[in-house]
Structures are given as structure tokens and as C-alpha cells.
């Protein structure tokens, strides 16, 4: 059965609660992202807005702690991850998907825990694009490219986080995601729980997702369909989904900002830590993609100079390439310089480029590997 045969063409009933998120709204980028005059004018407005946000966000304080946990390393097409830039002969590079555990305390003493990028890599593998790729990849070959480090629940246990303590789950976008195990379902699920509804692994957690993306998932465009699993959202409890309408401040030094382009409703986690401000998303797969002139990956520096591009996008769906470019420039301008290597910035890819012997010409010049704070 091909990708086309497996992809639904009719709209699906994604729960989209009308609830208004209880977080302070950040309106700094609203006018910049929709400024008149075209995408060039918006880029200029985004630069100005980024500097304003940077000043304001630094004054909000810092979270209690940030910890990083490797989940899985897997192959990803080079032509997507290093869009039009790399000259590597290999069709695939390796990316490492990581989860962040972020904790902060409100002024009234209430503590909150966020899991950012808590991917269920077993169920995510059924995403049409990756399922099709796996269908043509023999098991022994797959094992050469895929390395499972740990799963979400094990990572929480190792970090001393009780699943009942988790308040929020969030992703930079919902490509590949299946969160039924995390949030539970209202009805039995034939593939994972045929006799009864799925019990939530995180009983008190709410999914934070941009309303724009939830609405788009209900009726996907053919270019979007290979990357989503919308039917897995149909039976999620509506009260477990909290739509966001743009950028919000979750807590001291913790924000989700709207960074559209890679996907409709794309969002980036921004953290103010002991080393300064970080941005976390999948708009790029390596921090050197924000400073490509300093990259030793064959082709990146030359391509950026030749095209006059200051960033190299992660462009698999290319929903709105201009928007994604502008969003990545926002991230570039709000973060601090890495204290490990001042040539690079504190942009942390949620799926970070990882070197490997089977991926010649794609070894990153520098990797963060983790954010640790508190």
C-alpha cells in the first residue's frame, strides 16, 4: 500500500476547544509577522521585534531547571535537513531527537513542569512518510541508522519526575506526533487498546499547540499529509488540548513564541538560563545553520554566500518558506552566543544533526547536545 493509499482525504474531527489559554500573551511579533509590503518588509520588522522581545524576555526571570534527554537518532533526508546547501553524496543524514524537561515556580509558589518534544517514537514511526521509508528498508539496514536511546517515561523516571506532576506537553509542531498514550483517549483504539480507552500516562497534562495547526490538521493539504497522523487526535479528550493563539509567556524565563513557516502553527520554546537565552525548534537542524559562514559542512558556507542567505532551513514540507526564513532569523536574533564556542549561537535544534560514518559530508562543525540549567 503506497503513501497515497494510506492518506485520508476527508476532513477529520480534531478536537479544537474554544478555550482561551491562561497565559500572558506576547504581542511583540504579531504585527511583524503580518507587516504590509511583502516578506522582505516583514523580515525587517521581525528583526526589530526580535530585539524588543529579547529585552523584555530577559527581564521575566529564569526557570528553576532545564534538563535534556536523548530519545532517538534516526535518518532524515539530506535534501530536507540542509536545504539546497550540502553537497554530501549521502541521501540521508542523522538527527537526534531530544526531550527537554523544564520546571518553574509561580510567584504564589505553584510549581509547573513542561515536557517539550516528548515524542513517542514507536507510534510516531507510523507517520506515512517514515512508514513508507521503513517498508523499503530491511531490518539490519535500519538498525545501522536508528538508535533508540530511551523513551519518554524512562527519561522522566531517571529525572525524578512523577508523570502526575507534568502539567504541559508541547512540540514545536505536530509533524509525526501521536500523543494518545500520553493524554489518553475517550474511546478504545484498535491498534493500541482495542478493548478500552487508553489510560493517560500523564494524567494531569495538557497539550499546548497553536490553534492554527490544530485547524490545519483537520483538513490537510496533500503536501502536508505525509507528515501528520491526524486520525490519532480524533479521540483525545478535548479538555486535554489547550489551543494557543500566538506567542505566550508560560512562566519566568519560559515562553512559546509563534514561528510559522516550517508548519502552520509552528512554535519555538524560548528559555532564559544561566548561560543566557536559548531558542529550541526544528526550523533548522544545526546551530551552524544560523551562522552558515562558519560551517565546515561541505557546501553550506558557499551556498549561503552564493544565494545571499543568512540561514539554512530545515525544509521538508516547505509550507511557507519565506515565513520560515523570517522565523529562523527571529530565533537567531533573540538568542545569546554559545559559551562553549563563540562562533555559534544558543539555538538548540529539537532534532539536532549528528555525525556518523555512514553519513559522509554531514558531520556538524559544532553541537550543543544538551541544555542544562539550574
Protein backbone atom coordinates (compact mmCIF):
# COMPACT_ATOMS: atom_id res chain seq x y z
CA UNK A 1 0.00 0.00 0.00
CA UNK A 2 1.51 3.33 -1.03
CA UNK A 3 1.58 6.60 0.89
CA UNK A 4 -1.26 7.90 -1.26
CA UNK A 5 -3.41 4.86 -0.44
CA UNK A 6 -2.93 5.33 3.30
CA UNK A 7 -3.55 9.06 3.46
CA UNK A 8 -7.01 10.24 4.43
CA UNK A 9 -8.56 12.76 2.06
CA UNK A 10 -11.66 13.65 4.04
CA UNK A 11 -11.59 16.13 6.94
CA UNK A 12 -11.24 14.61 10.39
CA UNK A 13 -12.79 15.77 13.66
CA UNK A 14 -9.75 17.06 15.53
CA UNK A 15 -10.82 18.39 18.98
CA UNK A 16 -10.42 22.16 18.90
CA UNK A 17 -11.64 23.58 22.20
CA UNK A 18 -12.63 27.24 22.21
CA UNK A 19 -10.74 27.66 25.50
CA UNK A 20 -8.56 30.73 25.89
CA UNK A 21 -5.09 29.94 27.23
CA UNK A 22 -4.49 31.37 30.73
CA UNK A 23 -1.01 32.67 29.91
CA UNK A 24 0.09 36.26 29.36
CA UNK A 25 0.08 36.97 25.64
CA UNK A 26 3.23 38.19 23.89
CA UNK A 27 2.18 40.52 21.08
CA UNK A 28 5.69 41.68 20.10
CA UNK A 29 5.73 39.66 16.87
CA UNK A 30 2.09 39.99 15.82
CA UNK A 31 2.47 43.00 13.53
CA UNK A 32 5.93 41.94 12.31
CA UNK A 33 4.73 38.55 11.05
CA UNK A 34 1.93 40.17 9.03
CA UNK A 35 3.50 43.54 8.16
CA UNK A 36 2.42 45.01 4.80
CA UNK A 37 4.84 45.27 1.91
CA UNK A 38 5.77 41.63 1.40
CA UNK A 39 8.09 39.16 3.08
CA UNK A 40 11.13 41.45 2.77
CA UNK A 41 9.38 44.16 4.74
CA UNK A 42 8.27 41.55 7.26
CA UNK A 43 11.85 40.38 7.67
CA UNK A 44 12.92 43.90 8.60
CA UNK A 45 10.01 44.16 11.04
CA UNK A 46 10.91 40.77 12.53
CA UNK A 47 14.45 41.95 13.28
CA UNK A 48 13.15 44.96 15.17
CA UNK A 49 10.57 42.88 17.04
CA UNK A 50 13.19 40.29 17.99
CA UNK A 51 15.39 42.89 19.66
CA UNK A 52 12.39 44.26 21.57
CA UNK A 53 11.35 40.77 22.68
CA UNK A 54 14.88 39.92 23.75
CA UNK A 55 15.00 42.89 26.14
CA UNK A 56 11.57 42.19 27.60
CA UNK A 57 12.01 38.42 27.93
CA UNK A 58 15.35 38.65 29.75
CA UNK A 59 13.55 40.62 32.49
CA UNK A 60 10.95 37.90 33.17
CA UNK A 61 13.35 35.80 35.23
CA UNK A 62 14.57 32.23 34.89
CA UNK A 63 13.02 28.78 35.31
CA UNK A 64 14.06 26.50 38.15
CA UNK A 65 15.66 23.87 35.96
CA UNK A 66 16.12 22.58 32.43
CA UNK A 67 17.25 19.04 31.62
CA UNK A 68 17.78 17.33 28.25
CA UNK A 69 17.21 13.67 27.40
CA UNK A 70 18.16 11.90 24.16
CA UNK A 71 15.28 9.85 22.78
CA UNK A 72 16.22 8.52 19.34
CA UNK A 73 18.68 9.05 16.49
CA UNK A 74 17.25 8.39 13.05
CA UNK A 75 17.87 9.04 9.35
CA UNK A 76 16.48 12.14 7.65
CA UNK A 77 16.83 13.18 4.01
CA UNK A 78 19.85 15.42 3.47
CA UNK A 79 17.98 17.46 0.87
CA UNK A 80 15.44 18.41 3.55
CA UNK A 81 17.65 18.97 6.56
CA UNK A 82 20.28 21.08 4.76
CA UNK A 83 18.02 22.66 2.19
CA UNK A 84 19.79 23.28 -1.15
CA UNK A 85 23.14 23.71 0.60
CA UNK A 86 25.03 20.50 1.40
CA UNK A 87 26.97 18.69 -1.33
CA UNK A 88 27.19 15.39 0.53
CA UNK A 89 26.83 12.24 -1.63
CA UNK A 90 24.69 10.55 1.00
CA UNK A 91 20.90 10.84 0.63
CA UNK A 92 20.40 10.68 4.40
CA UNK A 93 21.93 12.35 7.40
CA UNK A 94 21.29 11.57 11.08
CA UNK A 95 19.30 13.67 13.51
CA UNK A 96 18.96 13.10 17.26
CA UNK A 97 15.57 13.84 18.73
CA UNK A 98 15.72 15.12 22.30
CA UNK A 99 13.22 15.99 25.00
CA UNK A 100 13.54 18.90 27.41
CA UNK A 101 12.12 18.85 30.93
CA UNK A 102 11.51 22.43 32.08
CA UNK A 103 10.36 23.33 35.59
CA UNK A 104 9.45 26.73 37.02
CA UNK A 105 7.71 28.22 40.07
CA UNK A 106 4.97 30.86 40.04
CA UNK A 107 5.05 33.80 42.46
CA UNK A 108 2.43 32.03 44.61
CA UNK A 109 4.71 29.01 44.96
CA UNK A 110 2.93 26.79 42.42
CA UNK A 111 5.40 24.60 40.54
CA UNK A 112 4.96 23.64 36.89
CA UNK A 113 6.58 21.04 34.66
CA UNK A 114 6.72 21.12 30.86
CA UNK A 115 7.87 18.30 28.60
CA UNK A 116 8.99 19.75 25.28
CA UNK A 117 9.24 17.26 22.40
CA UNK A 118 8.04 14.17 24.31
CA UNK A 119 7.92 12.06 21.15
CA UNK A 120 6.50 8.54 21.33
CA UNK A 121 8.96 7.23 18.76
CA UNK A 122 7.24 3.85 18.46
CA UNK A 123 3.88 5.30 17.42
CA UNK A 124 5.48 8.20 15.54
CA UNK A 125 7.11 5.66 13.20
CA UNK A 126 3.67 5.10 11.64
CA UNK A 127 3.70 8.60 10.16
CA UNK A 128 3.08 7.94 6.44
CA UNK A 129 6.43 9.24 5.20
CA UNK A 130 8.51 7.25 7.69
CA UNK A 131 6.31 4.17 7.45
CA UNK A 132 6.85 4.13 3.69
CA UNK A 133 10.60 4.59 4.14
CA UNK A 134 10.69 1.75 6.67
CA UNK A 135 8.74 -0.51 4.33
CA UNK A 136 11.61 -0.43 1.85
CA UNK A 137 14.37 -0.65 4.46
CA UNK A 138 15.45 -4.12 5.62
CA UNK A 139 15.69 -4.52 9.39
CA UNK A 140 19.50 -4.90 9.52
CA UNK A 141 19.94 -1.75 7.44
CA UNK A 142 17.51 0.16 9.64
CA UNK A 143 19.48 -0.85 12.72
CA UNK A 144 22.57 0.79 11.26
CA UNK A 145 20.82 4.16 11.11
CA UNK A 146 18.35 4.11 14.01
CA UNK A 147 19.47 4.16 17.63
CA UNK A 148 16.89 4.29 20.41
CA UNK A 149 18.42 5.92 23.49
CA UNK A 150 15.43 5.91 25.81
CA UNK A 151 11.71 6.57 25.90
CA UNK A 152 9.79 9.44 27.44
CA UNK A 153 8.59 7.67 30.58
CA UNK A 154 12.01 6.23 31.33
CA UNK A 155 13.56 9.67 30.90
CA UNK A 156 11.05 11.13 33.36
CA UNK A 157 11.79 8.40 35.87
CA UNK A 158 15.53 8.99 35.59
CA UNK A 159 14.96 12.71 36.11
CA UNK A 160 12.85 12.08 39.20
CA UNK A 161 9.68 13.44 37.56
CA UNK A 162 6.43 11.78 38.56
CA UNK A 163 4.17 11.63 35.46
CA UNK A 164 1.36 13.06 37.60
CA UNK A 165 3.47 16.19 38.13
CA UNK A 166 3.63 17.03 34.43
CA UNK A 167 1.38 19.97 33.59
CA UNK A 168 2.12 20.60 29.94
CA UNK A 169 3.28 18.81 26.82
CA UNK A 170 4.39 20.80 23.79
CA UNK A 171 6.10 20.32 20.45
CA UNK A 172 7.49 22.88 18.06
CA UNK A 173 4.97 21.43 15.59
CA UNK A 174 2.88 18.30 15.32
CA UNK A 175 4.59 16.51 12.42
CA UNK A 176 4.70 12.76 13.16
CA UNK A 177 3.22 13.12 16.65
CA UNK A 178 0.86 10.57 18.20
CA UNK A 179 0.09 11.53 21.81
CA UNK A 180 -2.65 9.04 22.63
CA UNK A 181 -0.53 7.23 25.22
CA UNK A 182 0.37 10.47 26.91
CA UNK A 183 -3.10 12.11 27.06
CA UNK A 184 -5.37 9.06 26.92
CA UNK A 185 -8.42 8.61 24.70
CA UNK A 186 -12.20 8.76 25.05
CA UNK A 187 -12.72 5.51 23.14
CA UNK A 188 -10.85 2.23 22.56
CA UNK A 189 -8.12 2.34 19.91
CA UNK A 190 -7.95 -0.69 17.61
CA UNK A 191 -4.16 -0.57 17.25
CA UNK A 192 -3.02 0.00 20.85
CA UNK A 193 -6.04 -0.57 23.13
CA UNK A 194 -8.86 -2.44 21.36
CA UNK A 195 -10.91 -3.24 24.48
CA UNK A 196 -10.94 0.01 26.42
CA UNK A 197 -9.92 3.68 26.14
CA UNK A 198 -6.23 4.41 26.55
CA UNK A 199 -5.29 5.46 30.08
CA UNK A 200 -3.24 8.65 30.13
CA UNK A 201 0.40 8.16 31.11
CA UNK A 202 0.42 11.85 32.11
CA UNK A 203 -2.98 12.16 33.81
CA UNK A 204 -2.75 15.88 34.57
CA UNK A 205 -1.00 17.07 31.42
CA UNK A 206 -2.41 19.36 28.75
CA UNK A 207 -1.12 19.64 25.19
CA UNK A 208 -0.13 23.19 24.21
CA UNK A 209 -0.49 23.61 20.44
CA UNK A 210 -1.16 26.54 18.16
CA UNK A 211 -4.80 26.76 17.13
CA UNK A 212 -3.70 27.35 13.52
CA UNK A 213 -2.03 23.95 13.36
CA UNK A 214 -4.91 22.11 15.02
CA UNK A 215 -7.28 23.62 12.46
CA UNK A 216 -4.94 22.75 9.58
CA UNK A 217 -4.65 19.13 10.76
CA UNK A 218 -8.39 18.69 10.43
CA UNK A 219 -8.22 19.11 6.65
CA UNK A 220 -4.66 18.65 5.42
CA UNK A 221 -3.27 19.70 2.07
CA UNK A 222 -1.66 16.87 0.03
CA UNK A 223 1.80 18.37 0.70
CA UNK A 224 1.14 18.15 4.45
CA UNK A 225 -0.41 14.68 4.66
CA UNK A 226 2.76 12.54 4.59
CA UNK A 227 3.97 14.21 7.81
CA UNK A 228 0.94 14.05 10.11
CA UNK A 229 -1.18 11.44 11.87
CA UNK A 230 -4.42 13.41 12.28
CA UNK A 231 -6.68 10.44 12.97
CA UNK A 232 -4.76 9.73 16.18
CA UNK A 233 -6.03 13.05 17.54
CA UNK A 234 -9.73 12.38 16.97
CA UNK A 235 -10.39 10.59 20.27
CA UNK A 236 -8.17 12.71 22.51
CA UNK A 237 -10.09 14.23 25.44
CA UNK A 238 -10.90 17.82 24.37
CA UNK A 239 -10.08 19.14 27.82
CA UNK A 240 -6.52 17.83 27.38
CA UNK A 241 -5.86 20.18 24.44
CA UNK A 242 -5.19 23.87 25.02
CA UNK A 243 -5.01 25.88 21.79
CA UNK A 244 -2.67 28.86 21.73
CA UNK A 245 -3.31 31.93 19.63
CA UNK A 246 0.24 33.13 19.07
CA UNK A 247 3.10 33.73 21.49
CA UNK A 248 2.69 33.28 25.25
CA UNK A 249 4.76 33.57 28.41
CA UNK A 250 4.37 30.30 30.33
CA UNK A 251 6.41 31.37 33.34
CA UNK A 252 9.59 33.10 34.45
CA UNK A 253 12.05 32.68 31.59
CA UNK A 254 9.82 30.24 29.69
CA UNK A 255 7.93 31.21 26.54
CA UNK A 256 6.42 29.67 23.44
CA UNK A 257 6.66 32.04 20.50
CA UNK A 258 4.91 31.69 17.17
CA UNK A 259 7.45 30.92 14.42
CA UNK A 260 5.32 29.94 11.42
CA UNK A 261 6.67 28.53 8.19
CA UNK A 262 8.05 25.04 8.68
CA UNK A 263 4.50 24.10 9.60
CA UNK A 264 1.35 26.13 10.06
CA UNK A 265 1.29 26.91 13.76
CA UNK A 266 5.00 26.25 14.27
CA UNK A 267 6.19 27.47 17.68
CA UNK A 268 9.57 27.73 19.40
CA UNK A 269 10.42 27.24 23.05
CA UNK A 270 12.48 30.13 24.41
CA UNK A 271 14.35 29.81 27.70
CA UNK A 272 16.32 32.28 29.81
CA UNK A 273 19.04 30.28 31.57
CA UNK A 274 22.30 30.69 33.45
CA UNK A 275 24.07 30.98 30.08
CA UNK A 276 21.55 33.39 28.58
CA UNK A 277 18.68 32.99 26.15
CA UNK A 278 18.07 29.84 24.10
CA UNK A 279 15.60 29.08 21.31
CA UNK A 280 14.54 25.49 20.61
CA UNK A 281 12.79 24.37 17.43
CA UNK A 282 13.18 22.32 14.27
CA UNK A 283 13.37 25.32 11.93
CA UNK A 284 17.00 24.28 11.48
CA UNK A 285 18.79 21.04 12.33
CA UNK A 286 22.12 22.53 13.43
CA UNK A 287 23.13 25.73 15.17
CA UNK A 288 25.62 26.39 12.36
CA UNK A 289 22.64 26.72 10.02
CA UNK A 290 22.13 30.12 11.68
CA UNK A 291 25.75 31.09 11.04
CA UNK A 292 26.50 29.08 7.88
CA UNK A 293 29.55 31.16 7.05
CA UNK A 294 31.25 29.38 9.99
CA UNK A 295 30.23 25.88 8.95
CA UNK A 296 32.68 23.25 7.78
CA UNK A 297 29.92 21.08 6.29
CA UNK A 298 30.79 20.91 2.59
CA UNK A 299 28.59 23.29 0.64
CA UNK A 300 26.90 25.22 3.45
CA UNK A 301 29.09 28.31 3.56
CA UNK A 302 29.33 28.51 -0.23
CA UNK A 303 25.59 28.07 -0.76
CA UNK A 304 24.72 30.70 1.83
CA UNK A 305 27.14 33.19 0.26
CA UNK A 306 26.06 32.43 -3.31
CA UNK A 307 22.36 32.82 -2.58
CA UNK A 308 22.75 35.65 -0.10
CA UNK A 309 21.08 33.61 2.64
CA UNK A 310 21.96 34.14 6.28
CA UNK A 311 20.30 30.91 7.46
CA UNK A 312 19.85 27.36 6.13
CA UNK A 313 16.36 25.99 6.64
CA UNK A 314 15.12 22.55 7.59
CA UNK A 315 12.73 22.31 4.67
CA UNK A 316 10.84 19.07 4.28
CA UNK A 317 7.34 20.41 3.73
CA UNK A 318 8.17 23.97 2.61
CA UNK A 319 4.73 25.12 3.71
CA UNK A 320 5.74 28.77 3.59
CA UNK A 321 9.47 29.07 3.00
CA UNK A 322 9.57 32.86 3.32
CA UNK A 323 7.85 32.71 6.70
CA UNK A 324 10.17 30.00 7.95
CA UNK A 325 13.21 32.03 6.94
CA UNK A 326 11.88 35.07 8.81
CA UNK A 327 11.05 32.94 11.85
CA UNK A 328 14.55 31.47 11.94
CA UNK A 329 16.01 34.98 11.77
CA UNK A 330 13.86 35.87 14.79
CA UNK A 331 15.37 32.92 16.65
CA UNK A 332 18.85 33.94 15.53
CA UNK A 333 18.41 37.44 16.90
CA UNK A 334 16.88 36.63 20.27
CA UNK A 335 19.45 34.07 21.46
CA UNK A 336 22.83 34.54 23.09
CA UNK A 337 26.22 33.39 21.86
CA UNK A 338 27.32 29.93 22.96
CA UNK A 339 29.64 29.98 25.94
CA UNK A 340 31.31 26.82 24.60
CA UNK A 341 32.16 28.26 21.19
CA UNK A 342 31.52 31.93 20.44
CA UNK A 343 31.26 31.26 16.70
CA UNK A 344 27.86 29.71 17.28
CA UNK A 345 24.56 30.66 18.88
CA UNK A 346 22.37 29.18 21.58
CA UNK A 347 19.89 27.82 19.08
CA UNK A 348 19.12 24.23 20.08
CA UNK A 349 17.56 22.07 17.35
CA UNK A 350 14.90 19.82 18.81
CA UNK A 351 16.24 17.28 16.30
CA UNK A 352 19.97 18.00 16.08
CA UNK A 353 22.29 16.99 13.26
CA UNK A 354 24.57 14.18 14.44
CA UNK A 355 27.71 12.93 12.71
CA UNK A 356 28.12 9.34 11.60
CA UNK A 357 30.43 7.18 9.47
CA UNK A 358 27.51 6.29 7.22
CA UNK A 359 26.71 9.96 6.54
CA UNK A 360 29.82 11.42 4.87
CA UNK A 361 29.87 15.17 4.45
CA UNK A 362 27.20 15.88 7.04
CA UNK A 363 29.18 15.93 10.30
CA UNK A 364 28.29 19.13 12.17
CA UNK A 365 31.00 21.64 12.99
CA UNK A 366 29.61 22.10 16.50
CA UNK A 367 26.81 20.53 18.51
CA UNK A 368 25.11 21.56 21.75
CA UNK A 369 23.85 18.05 22.64
CA UNK A 370 22.06 19.35 25.72
CA UNK A 371 20.79 22.34 27.65
CA UNK A 372 21.34 22.16 31.38
CA UNK A 373 20.22 24.85 33.78
CA UNK A 374 19.53 25.03 37.49
